[in-house]
Amino acid sequence: MSGDMSRQLSHMSEASSMGSDCDSSEDLDEDTEKFYYIDTTDDLDIDCPSKTDDPEYFEFEPLQLIEAEKMLNEEIEALCMKLKVHPSMAKMLLLRHNWQKEEVIDK
């Protein structure tokens, strides 16, 4: 039985020594990382791009729900008057043609 205990103790000591090797390699990796990956953007002259640098940029203000409903209802009413159809038919036509009123009128 004492032989088994001594084997277990030797295995435990080997495991602890291996663990310390792993710890030292982790420390070494952290030191290497700190050496090679230092943030050196201080010497770079990087400006934040302004909004006007993007040719596709434009300012907009999103519509509120009430404003959007009002605008769509005006489109439906205009199409009703132009084609002399019921509002439900005008809405269906506008939905079918992605709310392109001119496209509906041309057809």
Protein backbone atom coordinates (compact mmCIF):
# COMPACT_ATOMS: atom_id res chain seq x y z
CA MET A 1 0.00 0.00 0.00
CA SER A 2 2.83 2.38 0.70
CA GLY A 3 4.07 1.71 -2.85
CA ASP A 4 0.74 2.88 -4.25
CA MET A 5 0.87 6.02 -2.14
CA SER A 6 4.38 6.83 -3.26
CA ARG A 7 3.36 6.36 -6.92
CA GLN A 8 0.37 8.68 -6.46
CA LEU A 9 2.57 11.27 -4.79
CA SER A 10 5.13 11.07 -7.58
CA HIS A 11 2.38 11.48 -10.19
CA MET A 12 1.02 14.47 -8.29
CA SER A 13 4.43 16.08 -8.11
CA GLU A 14 4.96 15.50 -11.85
CA ALA A 15 1.57 17.05 -12.60
CA SER A 16 2.32 20.06 -10.45
CA SER A 17 5.69 20.54 -12.11
CA MET A 18 4.04 20.26 -15.52
CA GLY A 19 1.47 22.81 -14.40
CA SER A 20 4.21 25.23 -13.47
CA ASP A 21 5.75 24.72 -16.91
CA CYS A 22 2.41 25.61 -18.46
CA ASP A 23 2.14 28.68 -16.26
CA SER A 24 5.58 29.89 -17.28
CA SER A 25 4.79 29.37 -20.97
CA GLU A 26 1.56 31.34 -20.52
CA ASP A 27 3.53 34.15 -18.89
CA LEU A 28 6.00 34.04 -21.77
CA ASP A 29 3.13 34.24 -24.29
CA GLU A 30 1.69 37.27 -22.48
CA ASP A 31 5.08 38.99 -22.48
CA THR A 32 5.55 38.28 -26.19
CA GLU A 33 2.05 39.54 -26.90
CA LYS A 34 2.72 42.74 -25.00
CA PHE A 35 5.98 43.26 -26.90
CA TYR A 36 4.61 42.70 -30.40
CA TYR A 37 1.10 44.06 -30.06
CA ILE A 38 1.62 47.44 -28.51
CA ASP A 39 -0.90 50.01 -29.71
CA THR A 40 1.19 52.33 -31.85
CA THR A 41 -1.56 54.40 -33.42
CA ASP A 42 -0.34 57.51 -31.63
CA ASP A 43 2.04 58.36 -34.45
CA LEU A 44 -0.54 57.78 -37.19
CA ASP A 45 -2.55 60.75 -38.35
CA ILE A 46 -5.93 59.09 -38.66
CA ASP A 47 -8.88 61.44 -38.83
CA CYS A 48 -12.45 60.35 -38.51
CA PRO A 49 -14.06 60.63 -41.92
CA SER A 50 -16.60 63.39 -42.14
CA LYS A 51 -20.11 62.83 -43.39
CA THR A 52 -19.44 64.83 -46.53
CA ASP A 53 -16.60 62.50 -47.59
CA ASP A 54 -19.11 59.79 -48.50
CA PRO A 55 -20.72 60.60 -51.88
CA GLU A 56 -23.76 58.49 -51.00
CA TYR A 57 -24.41 60.26 -47.70
CA PHE A 58 -27.48 62.42 -47.29
CA GLU A 59 -29.28 63.70 -44.25
CA PHE A 60 -32.75 62.43 -43.59
CA GLU A 61 -35.39 62.52 -40.93
CA PRO A 62 -37.55 59.41 -40.44
CA LEU A 63 -41.30 59.83 -40.70
CA GLN A 64 -43.49 59.34 -37.69
CA LEU A 65 -46.28 56.76 -38.00
CA ILE A 66 -48.98 59.40 -38.40
CA GLU A 67 -46.99 61.22 -41.09
CA ALA A 68 -46.38 57.98 -43.01
CA GLU A 69 -50.07 57.02 -42.90
CA LYS A 70 -51.05 60.50 -44.06
CA MET A 71 -48.62 60.37 -46.98
CA LEU A 72 -49.81 56.92 -48.11
CA ASN A 73 -53.47 57.91 -47.81
CA GLU A 74 -52.77 61.00 -49.95
CA GLU A 75 -51.23 58.74 -52.61
CA ILE A 76 -54.29 56.47 -52.52
CA GLU A 77 -56.67 59.44 -52.76
CA ALA A 78 -54.76 60.96 -55.69
CA LEU A 79 -54.88 57.66 -57.57
CA CYS A 80 -58.61 57.25 -56.81
CA MET A 81 -59.34 60.64 -58.33
CA LYS A 82 -57.09 60.07 -61.35
CA LEU A 83 -58.34 56.57 -62.28
CA LYS A 84 -61.87 56.86 -60.82
CA VAL A 85 -61.52 53.67 -58.72
CA HIS A 86 -62.37 52.75 -55.13
CA PRO A 87 -59.71 53.32 -52.44
CA SER A 88 -59.30 49.57 -51.92
CA MET A 89 -58.54 49.08 -55.63
CA ALA A 90 -56.12 52.03 -55.64
CA LYS A 91 -54.32 50.63 -52.61
CA MET A 92 -54.08 47.20 -54.23
CA LEU A 93 -52.64 48.69 -57.42
CA LEU A 94 -50.13 50.78 -55.48
CA LEU A 95 -49.04 47.77 -53.43
CA ARG A 96 -48.64 45.69 -56.61
CA HIS A 97 -46.45 48.39 -58.20
CA ASN A 98 -44.39 49.21 -55.06
CA TRP A 99 -46.21 52.50 -54.48
CA GLN A 100 -45.05 53.91 -57.83
CA LYS A 101 -48.11 56.03 -58.66
CA GLU A 102 -46.77 57.11 -62.06
CA GLU A 103 -46.23 53.48 -63.07
CA VAL A 104 -49.85 52.64 -62.22
CA ILE A 105 -51.16 55.66 -64.13
CA ASP A 106 -49.05 54.83 -67.21
CA LYS A 107 -50.47 51.30 -67.40
